[in-house]
């Protein structure tokens, strides 16, 4: 019985240390990924500005072919949105909030199952030699949720591979390849 109490006490102490430690972790996060694409900025921008085109390069659509996707009546421009419901990816909504063609698109991401909101953006700039540099950014506030704050420093490792794979698919499409 004493051993069990020691184990339970140790676990309680560990949980307490993690919860208290989480309040010293950053409250916000920002992660970004980039790719250089040999294509005109307008051609690349078309892939991010049209929400229905996201399924052509976004890796999450491949993971759950049964994902239910809905779109606003107009799928480009400020106010356009897409919603999804997935057994494996959860549910959420992306709404375009700013468009400066062909260099910048900003959107708000709402992850409904996690009660989390973040801001995403695609920034396009001249990379020389007929190429465009595309930077995909995700930033947000982790709030006071201890689990979110503890995961914040690892978000790049957790979701980075998905963003890199998506940008690689975008590159293939824009450069005239296949998905």
N, C-alpha and C. Protein backbone atom coordinates (compact mmCIF):
# COMPACT_ATOMS: atom_id res chain seq x y z
N UNK A 1 0.82 -1.19 0.00
CA UNK A 1 0.00 0.00 0.00
C UNK A 1 0.86 1.26 0.00
N UNK A 2 1.99 1.24 0.74
CA UNK A 2 2.88 2.40 0.80
C UNK A 2 3.49 2.66 -0.58
N UNK A 3 3.79 1.60 -1.29
CA UNK A 3 4.37 1.75 -2.63
C UNK A 3 3.36 2.41 -3.56
N UNK A 4 2.13 1.98 -3.50
CA UNK A 4 1.09 2.57 -4.33
C UNK A 4 0.90 4.05 -4.01
N UNK A 5 0.92 4.41 -2.74
CA UNK A 5 0.79 5.81 -2.35
C UNK A 5 1.97 6.63 -2.85
N UNK A 6 3.17 6.06 -2.81
CA UNK A 6 4.36 6.76 -3.32
C UNK A 6 4.25 6.99 -4.83
N UNK A 7 3.76 5.98 -5.53
CA UNK A 7 3.60 6.11 -6.99
C UNK A 7 2.56 7.18 -7.29
N UNK A 8 1.42 7.14 -6.61
CA UNK A 8 0.37 8.14 -6.84
C UNK A 8 0.86 9.54 -6.46
N UNK A 9 1.59 9.65 -5.36
CA UNK A 9 2.15 10.95 -4.95
C UNK A 9 3.14 11.47 -5.98
N UNK A 10 3.97 10.58 -6.52
CA UNK A 10 4.92 10.97 -7.56
C UNK A 10 4.22 11.45 -8.82
N UNK A 11 3.17 10.74 -9.22
CA UNK A 11 2.41 11.15 -10.39
C UNK A 11 1.73 12.50 -10.16
N UNK A 12 1.16 12.70 -8.98
CA UNK A 12 0.52 13.98 -8.67
C UNK A 12 1.54 15.12 -8.69
N UNK A 13 2.74 14.86 -8.17
CA UNK A 13 3.79 15.88 -8.18
C UNK A 13 4.22 16.20 -9.61
N UNK A 14 4.33 15.17 -10.45
CA UNK A 14 4.71 15.38 -11.84
C UNK A 14 3.67 16.22 -12.57
N UNK A 15 2.39 15.90 -12.37
CA UNK A 15 1.32 16.68 -13.00
C UNK A 15 1.37 18.12 -12.53
N UNK A 16 1.58 18.33 -11.25
CA UNK A 16 1.67 19.69 -10.70
C UNK A 16 2.84 20.46 -11.31
N UNK A 17 3.99 19.81 -11.43
CA UNK A 17 5.16 20.46 -12.03
C UNK A 17 4.87 20.82 -13.49
N UNK A 18 4.22 19.91 -14.24
CA UNK A 18 3.91 20.19 -15.64
C UNK A 18 2.92 21.35 -15.77
N UNK A 19 1.89 21.37 -14.93
CA UNK A 19 0.91 22.44 -15.00
C UNK A 19 1.54 23.78 -14.64
N UNK A 20 2.29 23.82 -13.56
CA UNK A 20 2.94 25.07 -13.15
C UNK A 20 3.98 25.48 -14.20
N UNK A 21 4.75 24.51 -14.69
CA UNK A 21 5.77 24.80 -15.71
C UNK A 21 5.17 25.34 -16.99
N UNK A 22 3.95 24.90 -17.33
CA UNK A 22 3.32 25.35 -18.57
C UNK A 22 3.06 26.86 -18.55
N UNK A 23 2.87 27.43 -17.38
CA UNK A 23 2.62 28.87 -17.30
C UNK A 23 3.86 29.70 -17.59
N UNK A 24 5.01 29.05 -17.62
CA UNK A 24 6.26 29.73 -17.96
C UNK A 24 6.62 29.54 -19.43
N UNK A 25 5.80 28.75 -20.14
CA UNK A 25 6.03 28.51 -21.57
C UNK A 25 5.43 29.68 -22.36
N UNK A 26 5.89 29.89 -23.59
CA UNK A 26 5.33 30.99 -24.40
C UNK A 26 3.82 30.83 -24.59
N UNK A 27 3.13 31.97 -24.59
CA UNK A 27 1.69 31.98 -24.77
C UNK A 27 1.31 31.94 -26.26
N UNK A 28 2.23 32.33 -27.11
CA UNK A 28 1.95 32.38 -28.54
C UNK A 28 2.91 31.45 -29.29
N UNK A 29 2.55 31.15 -30.52
CA UNK A 29 3.43 30.35 -31.37
C UNK A 29 3.44 30.94 -32.78
N UNK A 30 4.50 30.68 -33.48
CA UNK A 30 4.63 31.05 -34.89
C UNK A 30 5.56 30.05 -35.53
N UNK A 31 5.07 29.41 -36.56
CA UNK A 31 5.88 28.48 -37.32
C UNK A 31 5.73 28.82 -38.79
N UNK A 32 6.78 28.60 -39.55
CA UNK A 32 6.70 28.90 -40.98
C UNK A 32 7.54 27.94 -41.79
N UNK A 33 7.09 27.75 -43.03
CA UNK A 33 7.74 26.86 -43.97
C UNK A 33 7.81 27.59 -45.30
N UNK A 34 8.81 27.28 -46.11
CA UNK A 34 8.98 28.00 -47.37
C UNK A 34 9.41 27.05 -48.48
N UNK A 35 9.13 27.47 -49.71
CA UNK A 35 9.54 26.73 -50.90
C UNK A 35 9.75 27.75 -52.02
N UNK A 36 10.66 27.45 -52.92
CA UNK A 36 10.86 28.27 -54.11
C UNK A 36 10.29 27.51 -55.30
N UNK A 37 9.42 28.20 -56.04
CA UNK A 37 8.71 27.58 -57.16
C UNK A 37 9.05 28.32 -58.44
N UNK A 38 9.44 27.59 -59.44
CA UNK A 38 9.76 28.20 -60.73
C UNK A 38 8.46 28.35 -61.53
N UNK A 39 7.81 29.48 -61.25
CA UNK A 39 6.53 29.78 -61.91
C UNK A 39 6.24 31.26 -61.69
N UNK A 40 5.28 31.76 -62.45
CA UNK A 40 4.86 33.15 -62.28
C UNK A 40 4.11 33.30 -60.97
N UNK A 41 4.26 34.43 -60.27
CA UNK A 41 3.54 34.63 -59.00
C UNK A 41 2.03 34.46 -59.14
N UNK A 42 1.45 34.91 -60.25
CA UNK A 42 0.01 34.80 -60.46
C UNK A 42 -0.44 33.33 -60.51
N UNK A 43 0.39 32.48 -61.12
CA UNK A 43 0.04 31.06 -61.22
C UNK A 43 0.07 30.39 -59.84
N UNK A 44 1.05 30.75 -59.04
CA UNK A 44 1.15 30.18 -57.69
C UNK A 44 0.04 30.76 -56.81
N UNK A 45 -0.19 32.06 -56.93
CA UNK A 45 -1.21 32.70 -56.10
C UNK A 45 -2.59 32.10 -56.35
N UNK A 46 -2.84 31.69 -57.58
CA UNK A 46 -4.13 31.08 -57.91
C UNK A 46 -4.36 29.80 -57.10
N UNK A 47 -3.31 29.09 -56.75
CA UNK A 47 -3.43 27.86 -55.97
C UNK A 47 -3.79 28.11 -54.51
N UNK A 48 -3.43 29.29 -54.00
CA UNK A 48 -3.78 29.59 -52.61
C UNK A 48 -5.02 30.47 -52.50
N UNK A 49 -5.30 31.25 -53.52
CA UNK A 49 -6.43 32.18 -53.47
C UNK A 49 -7.77 31.48 -53.68
N UNK A 50 -7.78 30.37 -54.38
CA UNK A 50 -9.01 29.60 -54.64
C UNK A 50 -9.09 28.46 -53.64
N UNK A 51 -10.03 28.54 -52.70
CA UNK A 51 -10.13 27.55 -51.63
C UNK A 51 -10.32 26.13 -52.16
N UNK A 52 -11.04 25.98 -53.27
CA UNK A 52 -11.25 24.64 -53.83
C UNK A 52 -9.95 24.04 -54.36
N UNK A 53 -8.96 24.87 -54.66
CA UNK A 53 -7.67 24.36 -55.14
C UNK A 53 -6.83 23.78 -54.00
N UNK A 54 -7.16 24.11 -52.76
CA UNK A 54 -6.37 23.61 -51.62
C UNK A 54 -6.37 22.08 -51.58
N UNK A 55 -7.46 21.45 -52.01
CA UNK A 55 -7.51 19.99 -51.97
C UNK A 55 -6.53 19.37 -52.97
N UNK A 56 -6.08 20.15 -53.96
CA UNK A 56 -5.12 19.64 -54.94
C UNK A 56 -3.71 19.55 -54.38
N UNK A 57 -3.39 20.34 -53.35
CA UNK A 57 -2.03 20.31 -52.81
C UNK A 57 -1.99 20.07 -51.29
N UNK A 58 -3.08 20.24 -50.58
CA UNK A 58 -3.09 20.02 -49.13
C UNK A 58 -3.08 18.53 -48.80
N UNK A 59 -2.20 18.11 -47.92
CA UNK A 59 -2.06 16.68 -47.62
C UNK A 59 -3.19 16.13 -46.76
N UNK A 60 -3.91 16.97 -46.06
CA UNK A 60 -4.96 16.48 -45.17
C UNK A 60 -6.12 15.87 -45.94
N UNK A 61 -6.32 16.32 -47.16
CA UNK A 61 -7.42 15.80 -47.96
C UNK A 61 -7.16 14.34 -48.37
N UNK A 62 -5.89 13.98 -48.53
CA UNK A 62 -5.53 12.60 -48.89
C UNK A 62 -5.73 11.65 -47.72
N UNK A 63 -5.51 12.15 -46.51
CA UNK A 63 -5.57 11.29 -45.33
C UNK A 63 -6.97 10.78 -45.04
N UNK A 64 -7.96 11.56 -45.40
CA UNK A 64 -9.35 11.15 -45.15
C UNK A 64 -10.20 11.45 -46.38
N UNK A 65 -10.24 10.51 -47.33
CA UNK A 65 -11.05 10.73 -48.53
C UNK A 65 -12.54 10.90 -48.23
N UNK A 66 -12.98 10.46 -47.04
CA UNK A 66 -14.39 10.59 -46.66
C UNK A 66 -14.67 11.92 -45.95
N UNK A 67 -13.67 12.77 -45.85
CA UNK A 67 -13.85 14.06 -45.19
C UNK A 67 -14.96 14.84 -45.90
N UNK A 68 -15.84 15.43 -45.10
CA UNK A 68 -16.93 16.23 -45.65
C UNK A 68 -16.45 17.68 -45.71
N UNK A 69 -16.50 18.27 -46.90
CA UNK A 69 -16.00 19.62 -47.11
C UNK A 69 -17.15 20.48 -47.63
N UNK A 70 -17.25 21.68 -47.07
CA UNK A 70 -18.25 22.65 -47.55
C UNK A 70 -17.54 23.95 -47.85
N UNK A 71 -18.10 24.71 -48.78
CA UNK A 71 -17.51 25.99 -49.19
C UNK A 71 -18.56 27.09 -49.15
N UNK A 72 -18.08 28.30 -48.99
CA UNK A 72 -18.96 29.46 -49.13
C UNK A 72 -19.37 29.57 -50.60
N UNK A 73 -20.45 30.30 -50.90
CA UNK A 73 -20.89 30.43 -52.29
C UNK A 73 -19.78 30.97 -53.21
N UNK A 74 -18.98 31.90 -52.72
CA UNK A 74 -17.83 32.42 -53.46
C UNK A 74 -16.59 31.91 -52.75
N UNK A 75 -15.67 31.27 -53.48
CA UNK A 75 -14.53 30.60 -52.84
C UNK A 75 -13.21 31.34 -53.00
N UNK A 76 -13.27 32.60 -53.38
CA UNK A 76 -12.07 33.44 -53.42
C UNK A 76 -12.42 34.78 -52.78
N UNK A 77 -11.39 35.47 -52.30
CA UNK A 77 -11.59 36.81 -51.77
C UNK A 77 -11.91 36.83 -50.28
N UNK A 78 -11.88 38.02 -49.73
CA UNK A 78 -12.15 38.21 -48.31
C UNK A 78 -13.56 37.72 -47.98
N UNK A 79 -13.66 36.94 -46.94
CA UNK A 79 -14.94 36.37 -46.51
C UNK A 79 -15.19 34.96 -47.01
N UNK A 80 -14.47 34.52 -48.03
CA UNK A 80 -14.64 33.15 -48.53
C UNK A 80 -14.19 32.18 -47.44
N UNK A 81 -14.87 31.05 -47.34
CA UNK A 81 -14.54 30.08 -46.31
C UNK A 81 -14.71 28.65 -46.80
N UNK A 82 -14.06 27.76 -46.09
CA UNK A 82 -14.24 26.33 -46.27
C UNK A 82 -14.33 25.70 -44.89
N UNK A 83 -15.21 24.72 -44.76
CA UNK A 83 -15.35 23.98 -43.51
C UNK A 83 -15.11 22.50 -43.80
N UNK A 84 -14.64 21.77 -42.80
CA UNK A 84 -14.44 20.35 -42.97
C UNK A 84 -14.83 19.61 -41.70
N UNK A 85 -15.24 18.36 -41.90
CA UNK A 85 -15.53 17.44 -40.82
C UNK A 85 -14.89 16.12 -41.19
N UNK A 86 -14.06 15.62 -40.28
CA UNK A 86 -13.31 14.41 -40.56
C UNK A 86 -13.19 13.58 -39.29
N UNK A 87 -13.29 12.29 -39.44
CA UNK A 87 -13.10 11.42 -38.28
C UNK A 87 -11.66 11.44 -37.81
N UNK A 88 -10.71 11.55 -38.74
CA UNK A 88 -9.30 11.52 -38.36
C UNK A 88 -8.67 12.91 -38.22
N UNK A 89 -9.21 13.92 -38.91
CA UNK A 89 -8.62 15.25 -38.90
C UNK A 89 -9.37 16.25 -38.01
N UNK A 90 -10.50 15.84 -37.45
CA UNK A 90 -11.31 16.75 -36.66
C UNK A 90 -12.13 17.66 -37.56
N UNK A 91 -12.70 18.70 -36.96
CA UNK A 91 -13.50 19.62 -37.75
C UNK A 91 -12.96 21.04 -37.59
N UNK A 92 -13.19 21.85 -38.61
CA UNK A 92 -12.69 23.21 -38.55
C UNK A 92 -13.19 24.06 -39.69
N UNK A 93 -12.69 25.28 -39.71
CA UNK A 93 -13.10 26.24 -40.72
C UNK A 93 -11.92 27.17 -41.02
N UNK A 94 -11.74 27.48 -42.27
CA UNK A 94 -10.74 28.47 -42.71
C UNK A 94 -11.49 29.58 -43.43
N UNK A 95 -11.24 30.83 -43.02
CA UNK A 95 -11.90 31.99 -43.62
C UNK A 95 -10.85 32.99 -44.08
N UNK A 96 -10.90 33.38 -45.34
CA UNK A 96 -9.95 34.36 -45.87
C UNK A 96 -10.29 35.73 -45.30
N UNK A 97 -9.26 36.40 -44.75
CA UNK A 97 -9.47 37.71 -44.12
C UNK A 97 -8.73 38.84 -44.83
N UNK A 98 -7.77 38.51 -45.68
CA UNK A 98 -7.02 39.56 -46.39
C UNK A 98 -6.44 38.98 -47.68
N UNK A 99 -6.54 39.75 -48.74
CA UNK A 99 -5.96 39.34 -50.03
C UNK A 99 -5.26 40.54 -50.64
N UNK A 100 -3.98 40.35 -50.95
CA UNK A 100 -3.21 41.34 -51.69
C UNK A 100 -2.55 40.56 -52.83
N UNK A 101 -3.29 40.41 -53.92
CA UNK A 101 -2.80 39.59 -55.04
C UNK A 101 -1.65 40.29 -55.76
N UNK A 102 -0.64 39.58 -56.18
CA UNK A 102 -0.36 38.16 -56.00
C UNK A 102 0.69 37.92 -54.91
N UNK A 103 0.68 38.69 -53.83
CA UNK A 103 1.76 38.57 -52.86
C UNK A 103 1.36 38.10 -51.46
N UNK A 104 0.07 38.19 -51.11
CA UNK A 104 -0.30 37.90 -49.72
C UNK A 104 -1.75 37.44 -49.62
N UNK A 105 -1.94 36.35 -48.85
CA UNK A 105 -3.27 35.89 -48.51
C UNK A 105 -3.25 35.50 -47.04
N UNK A 106 -4.19 36.02 -46.26
CA UNK A 106 -4.27 35.73 -44.82
C UNK A 106 -5.62 35.09 -44.54
N UNK A 107 -5.62 34.12 -43.66
CA UNK A 107 -6.86 33.44 -43.30
C UNK A 107 -6.86 33.08 -41.82
N UNK A 108 -8.05 32.93 -41.27
CA UNK A 108 -8.22 32.50 -39.89
C UNK A 108 -8.60 31.03 -39.90
N UNK A 109 -7.92 30.25 -39.08
CA UNK A 109 -8.20 28.82 -38.94
C UNK A 109 -8.87 28.57 -37.60
N UNK A 110 -10.01 27.94 -37.63
CA UNK A 110 -10.70 27.58 -36.39
C UNK A 110 -10.73 26.06 -36.30
N UNK A 111 -10.08 25.53 -35.27
CA UNK A 111 -10.10 24.10 -35.01
C UNK A 111 -11.16 23.86 -33.95
N UNK A 112 -12.34 23.47 -34.39
CA UNK A 112 -13.50 23.43 -33.50
C UNK A 112 -13.35 22.39 -32.40
N UNK A 113 -12.78 21.24 -32.70
CA UNK A 113 -12.65 20.20 -31.69
C UNK A 113 -11.66 20.59 -30.59
N UNK A 114 -10.66 21.37 -30.94
CA UNK A 114 -9.63 21.78 -29.98
C UNK A 114 -9.91 23.15 -29.37
N UNK A 115 -10.97 23.82 -29.84
CA UNK A 115 -11.30 25.17 -29.38
C UNK A 115 -10.08 26.09 -29.54
N UNK A 116 -9.45 26.00 -30.70
CA UNK A 116 -8.25 26.78 -30.98
C UNK A 116 -8.43 27.58 -32.26
N UNK A 117 -7.94 28.81 -32.25
CA UNK A 117 -7.98 29.67 -33.42
C UNK A 117 -6.56 30.12 -33.71
N UNK A 118 -6.20 30.09 -34.96
CA UNK A 118 -4.87 30.59 -35.36
C UNK A 118 -5.01 31.37 -36.66
N UNK A 119 -3.96 32.05 -37.02
CA UNK A 119 -3.92 32.81 -38.27
C UNK A 119 -2.91 32.15 -39.19
N UNK A 120 -3.31 31.98 -40.43
CA UNK A 120 -2.41 31.44 -41.43
C UNK A 120 -2.21 32.46 -42.53
N UNK A 121 -1.08 32.35 -43.21
CA UNK A 121 -0.85 33.25 -44.34
C UNK A 121 0.07 32.60 -45.36
N UNK A 122 -0.08 33.06 -46.58
CA UNK A 122 0.82 32.70 -47.66
C UNK A 122 1.42 34.01 -48.15
N UNK A 123 2.74 34.09 -48.12
CA UNK A 123 3.46 35.28 -48.55
C UNK A 123 4.31 34.91 -49.76
N UNK A 124 4.10 35.60 -50.87
CA UNK A 124 4.83 35.31 -52.10
C UNK A 124 5.75 36.48 -52.42
N UNK A 125 7.00 36.15 -52.77
CA UNK A 125 7.95 37.19 -53.14
C UNK A 125 8.84 36.69 -54.28
N UNK A 126 9.42 37.63 -54.99
CA UNK A 126 10.28 37.30 -56.12
C UNK A 126 11.54 36.61 -55.61
N UNK A 127 11.84 35.45 -56.19
CA UNK A 127 13.05 34.71 -55.82
C UNK A 127 14.10 34.82 -56.92
N UNK A 128 13.84 35.60 -57.96
CA UNK A 128 14.79 35.75 -59.06
C UNK A 128 14.73 34.58 -60.03
N UNK A 129 15.17 34.83 -61.24
CA UNK A 129 15.23 33.77 -62.24
C UNK A 129 13.88 33.19 -62.62
N UNK A 130 12.83 33.99 -62.54
CA UNK A 130 11.50 33.49 -62.90
C UNK A 130 10.88 32.61 -61.83
N UNK A 131 11.36 32.73 -60.61
CA UNK A 131 10.84 31.92 -59.51
C UNK A 131 10.19 32.80 -58.45
N UNK A 132 9.34 32.17 -57.66
CA UNK A 132 8.66 32.86 -56.57
C UNK A 132 8.91 32.07 -55.28
N UNK A 133 9.15 32.79 -54.21
CA UNK A 133 9.32 32.16 -52.90
C UNK A 133 7.98 32.23 -52.19
N UNK A 134 7.50 31.08 -51.75
CA UNK A 134 6.22 30.99 -51.03
C UNK A 134 6.53 30.65 -49.58
N UNK A 135 6.06 31.49 -48.67
CA UNK A 135 6.22 31.24 -47.24
C UNK A 135 4.82 31.00 -46.67
N UNK A 136 4.66 29.88 -46.02
CA UNK A 136 3.41 29.54 -45.35
C UNK A 136 3.63 29.73 -43.85
N UNK A 137 2.80 30.55 -43.23
CA UNK A 137 2.96 30.88 -41.82
C UNK A 137 1.71 30.47 -41.05
N UNK A 138 1.91 29.96 -39.86
CA UNK A 138 0.81 29.71 -38.94
C UNK A 138 1.21 30.29 -37.59
N UNK A 139 0.33 31.10 -37.02
CA UNK A 139 0.63 31.76 -35.74
C UNK A 139 -0.65 31.81 -34.92
N UNK A 140 -0.48 31.83 -33.61
CA UNK A 140 -1.67 31.89 -32.78
C UNK A 140 -1.36 32.06 -31.31
N UNK A 141 -2.42 32.09 -30.54
CA UNK A 141 -2.35 32.26 -29.10
C UNK A 141 -2.74 30.93 -28.46
N UNK A 142 -1.91 30.42 -27.59
CA UNK A 142 -2.17 29.14 -26.93
C UNK A 142 -3.02 29.29 -25.67
N UNK A 143 -3.27 30.54 -25.28
CA UNK A 143 -4.11 30.79 -24.12
C UNK A 143 -3.50 30.27 -22.83
N UNK A 144 -4.36 29.86 -21.91
CA UNK A 144 -3.86 29.37 -20.62
C UNK A 144 -3.93 27.86 -20.51
N UNK A 145 -4.32 27.19 -21.58
CA UNK A 145 -4.40 25.74 -21.59
C UNK A 145 -3.00 25.14 -21.37
N UNK A 146 -2.76 24.43 -20.27
CA UNK A 146 -1.43 23.88 -20.01
C UNK A 146 -0.94 22.92 -21.09
N UNK A 147 -1.85 22.11 -21.62
CA UNK A 147 -1.44 21.15 -22.65
C UNK A 147 -1.02 21.89 -23.92
N UNK A 148 -1.80 22.89 -24.32
CA UNK A 148 -1.44 23.69 -25.49
C UNK A 148 -0.10 24.38 -25.32
N UNK A 149 0.13 24.95 -24.17
CA UNK A 149 1.40 25.65 -23.92
C UNK A 149 2.58 24.68 -23.92
N UNK A 150 2.38 23.49 -23.39
CA UNK A 150 3.46 22.50 -23.39
C UNK A 150 3.74 21.99 -24.80
N UNK A 151 2.71 21.95 -25.65
CA UNK A 151 2.89 21.47 -27.03
C UNK A 151 3.42 22.56 -27.95
N UNK A 152 3.23 23.82 -27.59
CA UNK A 152 3.61 24.94 -28.45
C UNK A 152 5.00 24.84 -29.05
N UNK A 153 6.03 24.58 -28.23
CA UNK A 153 7.38 24.51 -28.79
C UNK A 153 7.59 23.36 -29.77
N UNK A 154 6.68 22.39 -29.77
CA UNK A 154 6.83 21.22 -30.64
C UNK A 154 5.93 21.27 -31.87
N UNK A 155 5.18 22.36 -32.04
CA UNK A 155 4.25 22.43 -33.17
C UNK A 155 4.96 22.33 -34.52
N UNK A 156 6.13 22.93 -34.62
CA UNK A 156 6.86 22.85 -35.89
C UNK A 156 7.17 21.40 -36.24
N UNK A 157 7.59 20.63 -35.26
CA UNK A 157 7.90 19.21 -35.49
C UNK A 157 6.64 18.40 -35.75
N UNK A 158 5.53 18.80 -35.11
CA UNK A 158 4.29 18.03 -35.25
C UNK A 158 3.60 18.26 -36.60
N UNK A 159 3.52 19.52 -37.03
CA UNK A 159 2.78 19.81 -38.25
C UNK A 159 3.67 20.25 -39.42
N UNK A 160 4.92 20.50 -39.13
CA UNK A 160 5.86 20.90 -40.18
C UNK A 160 5.92 19.96 -41.37
N UNK A 161 6.02 18.65 -41.13
CA UNK A 161 6.07 17.72 -42.26
C UNK A 161 4.84 17.82 -43.18
N UNK A 162 3.66 18.07 -42.60
CA UNK A 162 2.46 18.22 -43.42
C UNK A 162 2.55 19.47 -44.29
N UNK A 163 3.01 20.57 -43.71
CA UNK A 163 3.13 21.81 -44.48
C UNK A 163 4.21 21.68 -45.56
N UNK A 164 5.31 21.03 -45.23
CA UNK A 164 6.37 20.83 -46.23
C UNK A 164 5.87 19.97 -47.39
N UNK A 165 5.13 18.91 -47.06
CA UNK A 165 4.59 18.04 -48.11
C UNK A 165 3.58 18.80 -48.98
N UNK A 166 2.75 19.63 -48.36
CA UNK A 166 1.79 20.43 -49.11
C UNK A 166 2.47 21.42 -50.02
N UNK A 167 3.50 22.09 -49.52
CA UNK A 167 4.23 23.04 -50.36
C UNK A 167 4.94 22.33 -51.51
N UNK A 168 5.44 21.11 -51.27
CA UNK A 168 6.09 20.34 -52.34
C UNK A 168 5.07 19.99 -53.43
N UNK A 169 3.84 19.62 -53.02
CA UNK A 169 2.79 19.34 -54.01
C UNK A 169 2.42 20.60 -54.77
N UNK A 170 2.35 21.72 -54.06
CA UNK A 170 2.04 23.00 -54.71
C UNK A 170 3.11 23.32 -55.75
N UNK A 171 4.35 23.05 -55.41
CA UNK A 171 5.48 23.30 -56.34
C UNK A 171 5.31 22.46 -57.60
N UNK A 172 5.01 21.17 -57.42
CA UNK A 172 4.85 20.28 -58.58
C UNK A 172 3.70 20.77 -59.48
N UNK A 173 2.59 21.16 -58.86
CA UNK A 173 1.45 21.65 -59.64
C UNK A 173 1.78 22.92 -60.40
N UNK A 174 2.38 23.88 -59.70
CA UNK A 174 2.68 25.17 -60.31
C UNK A 174 3.73 25.08 -61.41
N UNK A 175 4.62 24.11 -61.26
CA UNK A 175 5.67 23.94 -62.26
C UNK A 175 5.24 23.02 -63.40
N UNK A 176 3.95 22.66 -63.39
CA UNK A 176 3.41 21.89 -64.52
C UNK A 176 3.42 20.39 -64.31
N UNK A 177 3.72 19.94 -63.11
CA UNK A 177 3.72 18.50 -62.83
C UNK A 177 2.35 18.03 -62.38
N UNK A 178 2.34 16.84 -61.85
CA UNK A 178 1.09 16.27 -61.33
C UNK A 178 1.11 16.36 -59.82
N UNK A 179 -0.05 16.12 -59.25
CA UNK A 179 -0.20 16.16 -57.80
C UNK A 179 0.73 15.19 -57.16
